[in-house]
Each structure stands twice: as structure tokens, then as C-alpha cells.
Amino acid sequence: MTKRQILFLVAGMMLALTRGGRADHKQSPEGVRPAVDARGDMLWRLHVLHVHEVEMAKIGNESGASVEVREFCGKLIDDHRKSNKDLLQMAAGHDFLVVPSGAALDELPAKHRLADRLRGMRGAELDRELISAMVRGHEQAIEMVRRDRALAGDEDVRKYLDQLMPVLQLHRDRAAALKRSMKVIKSSKLEK
């Protein structure tokens, strides 16, 4: 993670802490608590997506059994790092805050639990679980991007999402193909 990414992350977390531990509300002088700009939450969720995908792909790249899974994980690392860099540059260029809401923060423990579970696996078991998680995760990410695209009010955010969508679809399709090939290999071994 670059210094700039860390600064954005720390700034978002500090903002959350100064708001009573949650960043989904701003305290106004009158005590009214309007919601934080939805764009900040959207950008945070995309940032977390990229960081999480890189983290998971590193596990597969280091501990996966098959060359195909390790190569796929290498591609995921490269693509999600680039997409995250583009996201943070776009946000910084427009002074958009990448700020989590309470709901976005609530998603983090499940992501960490999955990565921790995968770290405890090796070989073919890791390949199967990782690829299954990649299929599910990319399907969820595609749906999130579709939803966010429909709600995005900023042209540069929409452009970013339009560029991200085919990358996510390619990752999902490649993960699904790997998952199918694992099932074929597993069933052919059972027949012997």
C-alpha cells in the first residue's frame, strides 16, 4: 500500500472516530445529523474491494497448488492494484473523500475472516476455496458496480466504474472457468 493510500485510509478512519466511531453521520451545529456524501461511501467500498482482492490473491499466489491459480492470482494483484491506484488518483484529483459509513465498516470483519481462513489452507484445498470465493466475490462486486453506476452523480466516477466493470467480469469469468476445470479434474480422479 502506498503512502497516499495509507493517508486516505487513516483520514477516513480518523473522520469516523471523530464522529463517535461511525462515519455515517455528520454533526451539524443544530444537532441535525445528515448522511455523509454517498460518493465517499461508494469510493471506500471500491477501495476496500481492491485491497481485499489483492490480499486474497497474494495468498493464492504464494500458497496455491496449481500454476493456473497462481497465474490468475498474479493477474488479480496487478489489475486490482492498478484499479485502486486509479481510484485514489481520481478521488484526490477531485478532492473526494474516501470515507466509510457504518455499513461499509461493518463489512470488514467478514472479509478479514475469509482471508484468515484461506491463510490456514494449502494446496488443492486452498485453490478450490479461493477460486469459489473469487467467483462469489466478483459476482457481488459486479452487482455493486452496476448499482453504484446507476447512482453515481459525477461523470469521472461513472467513467471509472465503466472502466472497472469489464475487468471484474473478466476476473469472474476466469475464476468460473478455473472452478469448472477443478471439478472436471476432481471427478476424473474419482473415476480412476
C-alpha atoms as a PDB file:
ATOM      1  CA  MET A   1       0.000   0.000   0.000  1.00  0.00           C
ATOM      2  CA  THR A   2       1.401   3.427  -0.916  1.00  0.00           C
ATOM      3  CA  LYS A   3       1.791   6.331   1.479  1.00  0.00           C
ATOM      4  CA  ARG A   4      -1.052   8.137  -0.286  1.00  0.00           C
ATOM      5  CA  GLN A   5      -3.390   5.148   0.120  1.00  0.00           C
ATOM      6  CA  ILE A   6      -2.475   4.882   3.777  1.00  0.00           C
ATOM      7  CA  LEU A   7      -3.153   8.591   4.234  1.00  0.00           C
ATOM      8  CA  PHE A   8      -6.619   8.228   2.665  1.00  0.00           C
ATOM      9  CA  LEU A   9      -7.342   5.224   4.835  1.00  0.00           C
ATOM     10  CA  VAL A  10      -6.136   6.914   8.010  1.00  0.00           C
ATOM     11  CA  ALA A  11      -8.025  10.124   7.160  1.00  0.00           C
ATOM     12  CA  GLY A  12     -11.219   8.155   6.689  1.00  0.00           C
ATOM     13  CA  MET A  13     -10.751   6.256   9.922  1.00  0.00           C
ATOM     14  CA  MET A  14      -9.927   9.443  11.848  1.00  0.00           C
ATOM     15  CA  LEU A  15     -13.016  11.071  10.434  1.00  0.00           C
ATOM     16  CA  ALA A  16     -15.028   8.063  11.555  1.00  0.00           C
ATOM     17  CA  LEU A  17     -13.578   8.205  15.051  1.00  0.00           C
ATOM     18  CA  THR A  18     -14.288  11.929  15.404  1.00  0.00           C
ATOM     19  CA  ARG A  19     -17.926  11.163  14.647  1.00  0.00           C
ATOM     20  CA  GLY A  20     -18.486   8.802  17.511  1.00  0.00           C
ATOM     21  CA  GLY A  21     -16.826   5.805  15.862  1.00  0.00           C
ATOM     22  CA  ARG A  22     -19.018   5.805  12.778  1.00  0.00           C
ATOM     23  CA  ALA A  23     -18.667   7.889   9.645  1.00  0.00           C
ATOM     24  CA  ASP A  24     -22.250   7.650   8.507  1.00  0.00           C
ATOM     25  CA  HIS A  25     -23.251  10.917  10.140  1.00  0.00           C
ATOM     26  CA  LYS A  26     -22.021  14.494  10.350  1.00  0.00           C
ATOM     27  CA  GLN A  27     -22.850  16.516  13.426  1.00  0.00           C
ATOM     28  CA  SER A  28     -24.129  19.959  12.483  1.00  0.00           C
ATOM     29  CA  PRO A  29     -24.312  22.880  14.921  1.00  0.00           C
ATOM     30  CA  GLU A  30     -28.070  22.420  15.226  1.00  0.00           C
ATOM     31  CA  GLY A  31     -27.673  18.752  16.172  1.00  0.00           C
ATOM     32  CA  VAL A  32     -29.118  17.528  12.866  1.00  0.00           C
ATOM     33  CA  ARG A  33     -27.151  14.566  11.561  1.00  0.00           C
ATOM     34  CA  PRO A  34     -27.317  14.439   7.743  1.00  0.00           C
ATOM     35  CA  ALA A  35     -25.672  11.495   5.975  1.00  0.00           C
ATOM     36  CA  VAL A  36     -22.142  11.746   4.607  1.00  0.00           C
ATOM     37  CA  ASP A  37     -21.969  12.096   0.837  1.00  0.00           C
ATOM     38  CA  ALA A  38     -22.813   8.675  -0.617  1.00  0.00           C
ATOM     39  CA  ARG A  39     -19.904   9.116  -3.038  1.00  0.00           C
ATOM     40  CA  GLY A  40     -17.396   8.819  -0.158  1.00  0.00           C
ATOM     41  CA  ASP A  41     -19.007   5.567   0.944  1.00  0.00           C
ATOM     42  CA  MET A  42     -19.038   4.241  -2.629  1.00  0.00           C
ATOM     43  CA  LEU A  43     -15.367   5.076  -3.122  1.00  0.00           C
ATOM     44  CA  TRP A  44     -14.499   3.490   0.246  1.00  0.00           C
ATOM     45  CA  ARG A  45     -16.266   0.241  -0.695  1.00  0.00           C
ATOM     46  CA  LEU A  46     -14.386   0.157  -4.007  1.00  0.00           C
ATOM     47  CA  HIS A  47     -11.091   0.815  -2.213  1.00  0.00           C
ATOM     48  CA  VAL A  48     -11.810  -1.994   0.274  1.00  0.00           C
ATOM     49  CA  LEU A  49     -12.740  -4.277  -2.643  1.00  0.00           C
ATOM     50  CA  HIS A  50      -9.387  -3.704  -4.328  1.00  0.00           C
ATOM     51  CA  VAL A  51      -7.330  -4.071  -1.150  1.00  0.00           C
ATOM     52  CA  HIS A  52      -9.202  -7.255  -0.201  1.00  0.00           C
ATOM     53  CA  GLU A  53      -8.807  -8.802  -3.663  1.00  0.00           C
ATOM     54  CA  VAL A  54      -5.069  -8.092  -3.605  1.00  0.00           C
ATOM     55  CA  GLU A  55      -4.799  -9.617  -0.118  1.00  0.00           C
ATOM     56  CA  MET A  56      -6.654 -12.775  -1.158  1.00  0.00           C
ATOM     57  CA  ALA A  57      -4.757 -13.067  -4.439  1.00  0.00           C
ATOM     58  CA  LYS A  58      -1.432 -12.847  -2.602  1.00  0.00           C
ATOM     59  CA  ILE A  59      -2.469 -15.864  -0.539  1.00  0.00           C
ATOM     60  CA  GLY A  60      -3.230 -17.845  -3.708  1.00  0.00           C
ATOM     61  CA  ASN A  61      -0.113 -16.601  -5.453  1.00  0.00           C
ATOM     62  CA  GLU A  62       2.095 -17.749  -2.581  1.00  0.00           C
ATOM     63  CA  SER A  63       0.342 -20.956  -1.492  1.00  0.00           C
ATOM     64  CA  GLY A  64      -1.798 -22.184  -4.380  1.00  0.00           C
ATOM     65  CA  ALA A  65      -1.192 -25.663  -5.753  1.00  0.00           C
ATOM     66  CA  SER A  66      -1.774 -25.118  -9.452  1.00  0.00           C
ATOM     67  CA  VAL A  67       0.172 -22.920 -11.828  1.00  0.00           C
ATOM     68  CA  GLU A  68      -3.131 -21.676 -13.301  1.00  0.00           C
ATOM     69  CA  VAL A  69      -4.372 -20.443  -9.930  1.00  0.00           C
ATOM     70  CA  ARG A  70      -1.051 -18.764  -9.119  1.00  0.00           C
ATOM     71  CA  GLU A  71      -1.008 -17.051 -12.552  1.00  0.00           C
ATOM     72  CA  PHE A  72      -4.627 -15.940 -12.130  1.00  0.00           C
ATOM     73  CA  CYS A  73      -3.797 -14.547  -8.695  1.00  0.00           C
ATOM     74  CA  GLY A  74      -0.845 -12.644 -10.171  1.00  0.00           C
ATOM     75  CA  LYS A  75      -3.207 -11.060 -12.708  1.00  0.00           C
ATOM     76  CA  LEU A  76      -5.671 -10.172  -9.924  1.00  0.00           C
ATOM     77  CA  ILE A  77      -2.912  -8.491  -7.935  1.00  0.00           C
ATOM     78  CA  ASP A  78      -1.808  -6.398 -10.918  1.00  0.00           C
ATOM     79  CA  ASP A  79      -5.331  -5.429 -12.011  1.00  0.00           C
ATOM     80  CA  HIS A  80      -6.688  -4.549  -8.568  1.00  0.00           C
ATOM     81  CA  ARG A  81      -3.570  -2.569  -7.630  1.00  0.00           C
ATOM     82  CA  LYS A  82      -3.906  -0.564 -10.837  1.00  0.00           C
ATOM     83  CA  SER A  83      -7.644  -0.055 -10.337  1.00  0.00           C
ATOM     84  CA  ASN A  84      -7.101   1.065  -6.743  1.00  0.00           C
ATOM     85  CA  LYS A  85      -4.358   3.467  -7.803  1.00  0.00           C
ATOM     86  CA  ASP A  86      -6.687   4.912 -10.465  1.00  0.00           C
ATOM     87  CA  LEU A  87      -9.494   5.201  -7.906  1.00  0.00           C
ATOM     88  CA  LEU A  88      -7.348   7.044  -5.371  1.00  0.00           C
ATOM     89  CA  GLN A  89      -5.895   9.349  -8.039  1.00  0.00           C
ATOM     90  CA  MET A  90      -9.371  10.174  -9.328  1.00  0.00           C
ATOM     91  CA  ALA A  91     -10.579  10.832  -5.765  1.00  0.00           C
ATOM     92  CA  ALA A  92      -7.571  13.013  -4.912  1.00  0.00           C
ATOM     93  CA  GLY A  93      -7.892  14.935  -8.189  1.00  0.00           C
ATOM     94  CA  HIS A  94     -11.432  15.944  -7.275  1.00  0.00           C
ATOM     95  CA  ASP A  95     -10.913  16.278  -3.523  1.00  0.00           C
ATOM     96  CA  PHE A  96     -13.350  13.427  -2.973  1.00  0.00           C
ATOM     97  CA  LEU A  97     -13.044  11.889   0.466  1.00  0.00           C
ATOM     98  CA  VAL A  98     -12.868   8.117   0.529  1.00  0.00           C
ATOM     99  CA  VAL A  99     -14.855   7.800   3.748  1.00  0.00           C
ATOM    100  CA  PRO A 100     -16.564   4.707   5.129  1.00  0.00           C
ATOM    101  CA  SER A 101     -20.056   4.684   6.520  1.00  0.00           C
ATOM    102  CA  GLY A 102     -21.065   2.388   9.346  1.00  0.00           C
ATOM    103  CA  ALA A 103     -22.377  -0.164   6.836  1.00  0.00           C
ATOM    104  CA  ALA A 104     -19.113  -0.208   4.885  1.00  0.00           C
ATOM    105  CA  LEU A 105     -17.112  -0.597   8.088  1.00  0.00           C
ATOM    106  CA  ASP A 106     -19.357  -3.464   9.171  1.00  0.00           C
ATOM    107  CA  GLU A 107     -18.308  -5.466   6.063  1.00  0.00           C
ATOM    108  CA  LEU A 108     -14.618  -5.533   7.026  1.00  0.00           C
ATOM    109  CA  PRO A 109     -14.645  -8.308   9.668  1.00  0.00           C
ATOM    110  CA  ALA A 110     -16.181 -10.843   7.251  1.00  0.00           C
ATOM    111  CA  LYS A 111     -13.536 -10.022   4.637  1.00  0.00           C
ATOM    112  CA  HIS A 112     -10.763 -10.481   7.212  1.00  0.00           C
ATOM    113  CA  ARG A 113     -12.243 -13.789   8.438  1.00  0.00           C
ATOM    114  CA  LEU A 114     -12.268 -15.171   4.886  1.00  0.00           C
ATOM    115  CA  ALA A 115      -8.648 -14.166   4.295  1.00  0.00           C
ATOM    116  CA  ASP A 116      -7.623 -15.643   7.668  1.00  0.00           C
ATOM    117  CA  ARG A 117      -9.397 -18.922   6.841  1.00  0.00           C
ATOM    118  CA  LEU A 118      -7.623 -19.109   3.472  1.00  0.00           C
ATOM    119  CA  ARG A 119      -4.238 -18.458   5.102  1.00  0.00           C
ATOM    120  CA  GLY A 120      -4.711 -21.681   7.051  1.00  0.00           C
ATOM    121  CA  MET A 121      -5.108 -23.755   3.865  1.00  0.00           C
ATOM    122  CA  ARG A 122      -2.623 -25.137   1.385  1.00  0.00           C
ATOM    123  CA  GLY A 123      -2.602 -26.834  -1.978  1.00  0.00           C
ATOM    124  CA  ALA A 124      -5.716 -28.058  -3.754  1.00  0.00           C
ATOM    125  CA  GLU A 125      -7.990 -27.176  -0.809  1.00  0.00           C
ATOM    126  CA  LEU A 126      -6.782 -23.573  -0.967  1.00  0.00           C
ATOM    127  CA  ASP A 127      -7.235 -23.489  -4.753  1.00  0.00           C
ATOM    128  CA  ARG A 128     -10.856 -24.683  -4.501  1.00  0.00           C
ATOM    129  CA  GLU A 129     -11.839 -22.351  -1.669  1.00  0.00           C
ATOM    130  CA  LEU A 130     -10.032 -19.346  -3.126  1.00  0.00           C
ATOM    131  CA  ILE A 131     -11.492 -19.760  -6.601  1.00  0.00           C
ATOM    132  CA  SER A 132     -15.001 -20.283  -5.206  1.00  0.00           C
ATOM    133  CA  ALA A 133     -14.579 -17.106  -3.152  1.00  0.00           C
ATOM    134  CA  MET A 134     -13.318 -15.261  -6.242  1.00  0.00           C
ATOM    135  CA  VAL A 135     -16.373 -16.256  -8.258  1.00  0.00           C
ATOM    136  CA  ARG A 136     -18.750 -15.150  -5.473  1.00  0.00           C
ATOM    137  CA  GLY A 137     -16.776 -12.020  -4.674  1.00  0.00           C
ATOM    138  CA  HIS A 138     -16.574 -10.852  -8.269  1.00  0.00           C
ATOM    139  CA  GLU A 139     -20.284 -11.512  -8.816  1.00  0.00           C
ATOM    140  CA  GLN A 140     -21.009  -9.326  -5.769  1.00  0.00           C
ATOM    141  CA  ALA A 141     -18.545  -6.676  -6.963  1.00  0.00           C
ATOM    142  CA  ILE A 142     -20.164  -6.569 -10.415  1.00  0.00           C
ATOM    143  CA  GLU A 143     -23.584  -6.076  -8.839  1.00  0.00           C
ATOM    144  CA  MET A 144     -22.187  -3.342  -6.568  1.00  0.00           C
ATOM    145  CA  VAL A 145     -20.621  -1.524  -9.546  1.00  0.00           C
ATOM    146  CA  ARG A 146     -23.884  -1.769 -11.515  1.00  0.00           C
ATOM    147  CA  ARG A 147     -25.813  -0.326  -8.586  1.00  0.00           C
ATOM    148  CA  ASP A 148     -23.241   2.396  -7.933  1.00  0.00           C
ATOM    149  CA  ARG A 149     -23.060   3.304 -11.627  1.00  0.00           C
ATOM    150  CA  ALA A 150     -26.789   3.979 -11.654  1.00  0.00           C
ATOM    151  CA  LEU A 151     -26.444   6.249  -8.605  1.00  0.00           C
ATOM    152  CA  ALA A 152     -23.153   7.984  -9.444  1.00  0.00           C
ATOM    153  CA  GLY A 153     -23.678  11.695  -9.951  1.00  0.00           C
ATOM    154  CA  ASP A 154     -20.133  12.525 -11.019  1.00  0.00           C
ATOM    155  CA  GLU A 155     -19.019  11.900 -14.604  1.00  0.00           C
ATOM    156  CA  ASP A 156     -15.487  10.839 -13.579  1.00  0.00           C
ATOM    157  CA  VAL A 157     -16.870   8.327 -11.074  1.00  0.00           C
ATOM    158  CA  ARG A 158     -19.144   6.870 -13.785  1.00  0.00           C
ATOM    159  CA  LYS A 159     -16.188   6.711 -16.182  1.00  0.00           C
ATOM    160  CA  TYR A 160     -14.098   4.902 -13.567  1.00  0.00           C
ATOM    161  CA  LEU A 161     -16.912   2.396 -12.938  1.00  0.00           C
ATOM    162  CA  ASP A 162     -17.319   1.865 -16.698  1.00  0.00           C
ATOM    163  CA  GLN A 163     -13.611   1.010 -16.941  1.00  0.00           C
ATOM    164  CA  LEU A 164     -13.734  -1.251 -13.890  1.00  0.00           C
ATOM    165  CA  MET A 165     -16.739  -3.338 -14.987  1.00  0.00           C
ATOM    166  CA  PRO A 166     -15.060  -5.337 -17.806  1.00  0.00           C
ATOM    167  CA  VAL A 167     -12.068  -6.062 -15.552  1.00  0.00           C
ATOM    168  CA  LEU A 168     -14.359  -7.511 -12.869  1.00  0.00           C
ATOM    169  CA  GLN A 169     -16.306  -9.507 -15.459  1.00  0.00           C
ATOM    170  CA  LEU A 170     -13.079 -10.930 -16.882  1.00  0.00           C
ATOM    171  CA  HIS A 171     -11.938 -11.936 -13.393  1.00  0.00           C
ATOM    172  CA  ARG A 172     -15.299 -13.569 -12.634  1.00  0.00           C
ATOM    173  CA  ASP A 173     -15.300 -15.468 -15.927  1.00  0.00           C
ATOM    174  CA  ARG A 174     -11.711 -16.666 -15.476  1.00  0.00           C
ATOM    175  CA  ALA A 175     -12.427 -17.765 -11.889  1.00  0.00           C
ATOM    176  CA  ALA A 176     -15.563 -19.613 -13.041  1.00  0.00           C
ATOM    177  CA  ALA A 177     -13.568 -21.388 -15.769  1.00  0.00           C
ATOM    178  CA  LEU A 178     -10.921 -22.409 -13.226  1.00  0.00           C
ATOM    179  CA  LYS A 179     -13.635 -23.665 -10.878  1.00  0.00           C
ATOM    180  CA  ARG A 180     -15.172 -25.787 -13.677  1.00  0.00           C
ATOM    181  CA  SER A 181     -11.783 -27.237 -14.602  1.00  0.00           C
ATOM    182  CA  MET A 182     -11.143 -28.168 -10.953  1.00  0.00           C
ATOM    183  CA  LYS A 183     -14.422 -30.061 -10.847  1.00  0.00           C
ATOM    184  CA  VAL A 184     -13.514 -31.918 -14.030  1.00  0.00           C
ATOM    185  CA  ILE A 185     -10.087 -32.846 -12.664  1.00  0.00           C
ATOM    186  CA  LYS A 186     -11.571 -33.915  -9.321  1.00  0.00           C
ATOM    187  CA  SER A 187     -14.269 -36.076 -10.945  1.00  0.00           C
ATOM    188  CA  SER A 188     -11.770 -37.710 -13.325  1.00  0.00           C
ATOM    189  CA  LYS A 189      -9.570 -38.646 -10.334  1.00  0.00           C
ATOM    190  CA  LEU A 190     -12.572 -40.199  -8.597  1.00  0.00           C
ATOM    191  CA  GLU A 191     -13.323 -42.359 -11.660  1.00  0.00           C
ATOM    192  CA  LYS A 192      -9.851 -43.943 -11.600  1.00  0.00           C
END
